[in-house]
Amino acid sequence: MARGSRRQGTPRRRNRDRHGRGLRGPLYPATLPAARSRAERFDALVLEALEPIEARWRTELTQLDVAVDDVPDIQSGDDGDVVEDGNVPLARLVPAGADRRARIVLYRRPLEARAKDGADLSDLIHDVLVEQIANYLGLDPDVIDGE
């Protein structure tokens, strides 16, 4: 019988668990920070950067949503204020419409590409959020970030 052929009626063998050691489990327990994905770690950084701003400007930001997207949609037109690095958008402020609330969208992959390390990424997220919230409120970024 040829090497690649199968006999009729024989079930196909699964390639998993070939040596009888069981299926592979997670590398790290779910309770450890290393088990989180890059997207989950980025979301946590956004929430951490937004928390002090939201505590100070809570009443002004009740009609604002903050979202994270992996990459910017190149086809979409300019429907709001955009923070760019070169020609790549880092974040976008989408104004409120008849059927939606105002929304700040942070783009994860461009922000991660510009950061040297975790601390730099955290600072970059904070700076972009401050600038977008300042655009939303019509204020200077220094007023938003003021101590």
C-alpha atoms as a PDB file:
ATOM      1  CA  MET A   1       0.000   0.000   0.000  1.00  0.00           C
ATOM      2  CA  ALA A   2       1.284   3.444  -0.847  1.00  0.00           C
ATOM      3  CA  ARG A   3       2.510   5.545   2.022  1.00  0.00           C
ATOM      4  CA  GLY A   4      -0.084   8.346   1.713  1.00  0.00           C
ATOM      5  CA  SER A   5      -3.110   6.159   1.085  1.00  0.00           C
ATOM      6  CA  ARG A   6      -5.613   4.869   3.657  1.00  0.00           C
ATOM      7  CA  ARG A   7      -7.538   1.677   3.780  1.00  0.00           C
ATOM      8  CA  GLN A   8     -11.247   1.980   3.259  1.00  0.00           C
ATOM      9  CA  GLY A   9     -13.251   1.864   6.484  1.00  0.00           C
ATOM     10  CA  THR A  10     -10.370   2.653   8.833  1.00  0.00           C
ATOM     11  CA  PRO A  11     -10.957   5.752  10.931  1.00  0.00           C
ATOM     12  CA  ARG A  12      -8.399   8.473  10.587  1.00  0.00           C
ATOM     13  CA  ARG A  13      -6.106   8.799  13.567  1.00  0.00           C
ATOM     14  CA  ARG A  14      -5.853  12.142  15.336  1.00  0.00           C
ATOM     15  CA  ASN A  15      -2.444  13.748  15.547  1.00  0.00           C
ATOM     16  CA  ARG A  16      -2.986  14.953  19.083  1.00  0.00           C
ATOM     17  CA  ASP A  17      -1.948  12.932  22.097  1.00  0.00           C
ATOM     18  CA  ARG A  18       0.261  10.674  19.991  1.00  0.00           C
ATOM     19  CA  HIS A  19       2.401   9.541  22.899  1.00  0.00           C
ATOM     20  CA  GLY A  20      -0.331   9.041  25.475  1.00  0.00           C
ATOM     21  CA  ARG A  21       0.649  11.997  27.659  1.00  0.00           C
ATOM     22  CA  GLY A  22      -2.677  13.796  27.394  1.00  0.00           C
ATOM     23  CA  LEU A  23      -3.637  16.997  25.658  1.00  0.00           C
ATOM     24  CA  ARG A  24      -1.533  20.073  26.158  1.00  0.00           C
ATOM     25  CA  GLY A  25      -2.639  22.408  28.905  1.00  0.00           C
ATOM     26  CA  PRO A  26      -2.041  26.112  29.437  1.00  0.00           C
ATOM     27  CA  LEU A  27       1.561  27.160  29.894  1.00  0.00           C
ATOM     28  CA  TYR A  28       0.754  29.429  32.841  1.00  0.00           C
ATOM     29  CA  PRO A  29      -2.152  29.291  35.298  1.00  0.00           C
ATOM     30  CA  ALA A  30      -4.865  31.838  34.470  1.00  0.00           C
ATOM     31  CA  THR A  31      -4.236  33.668  37.752  1.00  0.00           C
ATOM     32  CA  LEU A  32      -0.722  34.786  36.748  1.00  0.00           C
ATOM     33  CA  PRO A  33      -0.165  37.991  34.746  1.00  0.00           C
ATOM     34  CA  ALA A  34       1.894  36.077  32.157  1.00  0.00           C
ATOM     35  CA  ALA A  35      -1.244  34.175  31.106  1.00  0.00           C
ATOM     36  CA  ARG A  36      -2.886  37.346  29.755  1.00  0.00           C
ATOM     37  CA  SER A  37      -2.689  38.087  26.058  1.00  0.00           C
ATOM     38  CA  ARG A  38      -1.120  41.244  24.631  1.00  0.00           C
ATOM     39  CA  ALA A  39      -4.573  42.648  23.932  1.00  0.00           C
ATOM     40  CA  GLU A  40      -5.677  42.039  27.529  1.00  0.00           C
ATOM     41  CA  ARG A  41      -2.518  43.716  28.867  1.00  0.00           C
ATOM     42  CA  PHE A  42      -3.126  46.697  26.545  1.00  0.00           C
ATOM     43  CA  ASP A  43      -6.736  46.996  27.734  1.00  0.00           C
ATOM     44  CA  ALA A  44      -5.499  47.028  31.327  1.00  0.00           C
ATOM     45  CA  LEU A  45      -3.046  49.835  30.489  1.00  0.00           C
ATOM     46  CA  VAL A  46      -5.847  51.872  28.892  1.00  0.00           C
ATOM     47  CA  LEU A  47      -8.051  51.453  31.960  1.00  0.00           C
ATOM     48  CA  GLU A  48      -5.134  52.380  34.218  1.00  0.00           C
ATOM     49  CA  ALA A  49      -4.427  55.541  32.188  1.00  0.00           C
ATOM     50  CA  LEU A  50      -8.104  56.498  32.017  1.00  0.00           C
ATOM     51  CA  GLU A  51      -8.861  56.063  35.723  1.00  0.00           C
ATOM     52  CA  PRO A  52      -7.290  59.311  37.079  1.00  0.00           C
ATOM     53  CA  ILE A  53      -8.650  61.362  34.171  1.00  0.00           C
ATOM     54  CA  GLU A  54     -12.131  59.951  34.637  1.00  0.00           C
ATOM     55  CA  ALA A  55     -11.983  60.566  38.394  1.00  0.00           C
ATOM     56  CA  ARG A  56     -11.281  64.252  37.781  1.00  0.00           C
ATOM     57  CA  TRP A  57     -13.622  64.834  34.803  1.00  0.00           C
ATOM     58  CA  ARG A  58     -16.386  62.323  35.596  1.00  0.00           C
ATOM     59  CA  THR A  59     -19.366  64.603  34.918  1.00  0.00           C
ATOM     60  CA  GLU A  60     -17.968  65.895  31.601  1.00  0.00           C
ATOM     61  CA  LEU A  61     -17.152  62.385  30.328  1.00  0.00           C
ATOM     62  CA  THR A  62     -20.506  60.695  30.964  1.00  0.00           C
ATOM     63  CA  GLN A  63     -21.377  60.729  27.252  1.00  0.00           C
ATOM     64  CA  LEU A  64     -17.964  59.472  26.068  1.00  0.00           C
ATOM     65  CA  ASP A  65     -16.943  55.880  25.357  1.00  0.00           C
ATOM     66  CA  VAL A  66     -13.356  54.657  25.076  1.00  0.00           C
ATOM     67  CA  ALA A  67     -12.680  51.702  22.804  1.00  0.00           C
ATOM     68  CA  VAL A  68      -9.632  49.779  21.615  1.00  0.00           C
ATOM     69  CA  ASP A  69      -9.191  48.465  18.099  1.00  0.00           C
ATOM     70  CA  ASP A  70      -6.245  46.469  16.774  1.00  0.00           C
ATOM     71  CA  VAL A  71      -5.506  48.522  13.660  1.00  0.00           C
ATOM     72  CA  PRO A  72      -7.068  51.596  12.048  1.00  0.00           C
ATOM     73  CA  ASP A  73      -9.518  51.143   9.211  1.00  0.00           C
ATOM     74  CA  ILE A  74      -7.788  52.795   6.276  1.00  0.00           C
ATOM     75  CA  GLN A  75     -10.979  52.991   4.167  1.00  0.00           C
ATOM     76  CA  SER A  76     -12.903  55.101   6.669  1.00  0.00           C
ATOM     77  CA  GLY A  77     -12.936  58.822   5.995  1.00  0.00           C
ATOM     78  CA  ASP A  78     -11.999  61.486   8.502  1.00  0.00           C
ATOM     79  CA  ASP A  79     -15.038  61.472  10.745  1.00  0.00           C
ATOM     80  CA  GLY A  80     -13.308  62.979  13.753  1.00  0.00           C
ATOM     81  CA  ASP A  81     -10.068  64.231  15.248  1.00  0.00           C
ATOM     82  CA  VAL A  82      -7.136  61.905  14.661  1.00  0.00           C
ATOM     83  CA  VAL A  83      -3.822  61.624  16.496  1.00  0.00           C
ATOM     84  CA  GLU A  84      -1.255  60.464  13.956  1.00  0.00           C
ATOM     85  CA  ASP A  85       2.387  59.518  13.898  1.00  0.00           C
ATOM     86  CA  GLY A  86       3.402  60.066  10.301  1.00  0.00           C
ATOM     87  CA  ASN A  87       0.486  58.726   8.279  1.00  0.00           C
ATOM     88  CA  VAL A  88      -0.552  56.053  10.786  1.00  0.00           C
ATOM     89  CA  PRO A  89      -3.423  56.944  13.140  1.00  0.00           C
ATOM     90  CA  LEU A  90      -2.812  56.181  16.814  1.00  0.00           C
ATOM     91  CA  ALA A  91      -6.282  57.199  18.007  1.00  0.00           C
ATOM     92  CA  ARG A  92      -9.479  58.737  16.683  1.00  0.00           C
ATOM     93  CA  LEU A  93     -12.215  60.810  18.269  1.00  0.00           C
ATOM     94  CA  VAL A  94     -15.533  59.886  16.693  1.00  0.00           C
ATOM     95  CA  PRO A  95     -18.090  62.605  17.424  1.00  0.00           C
ATOM     96  CA  ALA A  96     -21.540  61.779  18.704  1.00  0.00           C
ATOM     97  CA  GLY A  97     -24.183  61.118  16.104  1.00  0.00           C
ATOM     98  CA  ALA A  98     -27.921  60.680  16.084  1.00  0.00           C
ATOM     99  CA  ASP A  99     -27.670  57.012  17.055  1.00  0.00           C
ATOM    100  CA  ARG A 100     -24.305  56.830  18.865  1.00  0.00           C
ATOM    101  CA  ARG A 101     -22.323  58.390  21.669  1.00  0.00           C
ATOM    102  CA  ALA A 102     -18.972  60.108  21.206  1.00  0.00           C
ATOM    103  CA  ARG A 103     -16.136  57.601  21.217  1.00  0.00           C
ATOM    104  CA  ILE A 104     -12.359  57.623  21.452  1.00  0.00           C
ATOM    105  CA  VAL A 105     -10.796  54.684  19.642  1.00  0.00           C
ATOM    106  CA  LEU A 106      -7.204  53.775  20.489  1.00  0.00           C
ATOM    107  CA  TYR A 107      -5.347  51.627  17.963  1.00  0.00           C
ATOM    108  CA  ARG A 108      -3.357  48.957  19.802  1.00  0.00           C
ATOM    109  CA  ARG A 109      -0.864  47.770  17.179  1.00  0.00           C
ATOM    110  CA  PRO A 110       0.410  51.242  16.082  1.00  0.00           C
ATOM    111  CA  LEU A 111       0.762  52.318  19.712  1.00  0.00           C
ATOM    112  CA  GLU A 112       2.637  49.132  20.631  1.00  0.00           C
ATOM    113  CA  ALA A 113       4.921  49.541  17.604  1.00  0.00           C
ATOM    114  CA  ARG A 114       5.975  53.021  18.724  1.00  0.00           C
ATOM    115  CA  ALA A 115       6.680  52.119  22.341  1.00  0.00           C
ATOM    116  CA  LYS A 116      10.119  50.893  23.396  1.00  0.00           C
ATOM    117  CA  ASP A 117       8.914  49.040  26.491  1.00  0.00           C
ATOM    118  CA  GLY A 118       5.954  48.701  28.850  1.00  0.00           C
ATOM    119  CA  ALA A 119       6.566  51.992  30.669  1.00  0.00           C
ATOM    120  CA  ASP A 120       6.902  53.863  27.380  1.00  0.00           C
ATOM    121  CA  LEU A 121       3.656  52.285  26.148  1.00  0.00           C
ATOM    122  CA  SER A 122       1.862  53.318  29.320  1.00  0.00           C
ATOM    123  CA  ASP A 123       3.096  56.920  28.923  1.00  0.00           C
ATOM    124  CA  LEU A 124       2.142  56.966  25.243  1.00  0.00           C
ATOM    125  CA  ILE A 125      -1.380  55.700  25.984  1.00  0.00           C
ATOM    126  CA  HIS A 126      -1.762  58.340  28.690  1.00  0.00           C
ATOM    127  CA  ASP A 127      -0.585  61.144  26.371  1.00  0.00           C
ATOM    128  CA  VAL A 128      -2.880  60.069  23.528  1.00  0.00           C
ATOM    129  CA  LEU A 129      -5.874  59.761  25.879  1.00  0.00           C
ATOM    130  CA  VAL A 130      -5.206  63.208  27.355  1.00  0.00           C
ATOM    131  CA  GLU A 131      -4.984  64.740  23.891  1.00  0.00           C
ATOM    132  CA  GLN A 132      -8.187  63.074  22.686  1.00  0.00           C
ATOM    133  CA  ILE A 133     -10.149  63.991  25.816  1.00  0.00           C
ATOM    134  CA  ALA A 134      -8.894  67.576  25.487  1.00  0.00           C
ATOM    135  CA  ASN A 135     -10.179  67.595  21.884  1.00  0.00           C
ATOM    136  CA  TYR A 136     -13.513  66.199  23.044  1.00  0.00           C
ATOM    137  CA  LEU A 137     -13.928  68.806  25.790  1.00  0.00           C
ATOM    138  CA  GLY A 138     -12.424  71.666  23.760  1.00  0.00           C
ATOM    139  CA  LEU A 139      -9.742  72.324  26.367  1.00  0.00           C
ATOM    140  CA  ASP A 140      -5.951  72.493  26.424  1.00  0.00           C
ATOM    141  CA  PRO A 141      -4.281  69.107  27.157  1.00  0.00           C
ATOM    142  CA  ASP A 142      -2.397  70.685  30.084  1.00  0.00           C
ATOM    143  CA  VAL A 143      -5.748  71.455  31.752  1.00  0.00           C
ATOM    144  CA  ILE A 144      -6.854  67.823  31.429  1.00  0.00           C
ATOM    145  CA  ASP A 145      -3.562  66.453  32.731  1.00  0.00           C
ATOM    146  CA  GLY A 146      -3.134  69.113  35.437  1.00  0.00           C
ATOM    147  CA  GLU A 147      -2.283  67.971  38.910  1.00  0.00           C
END
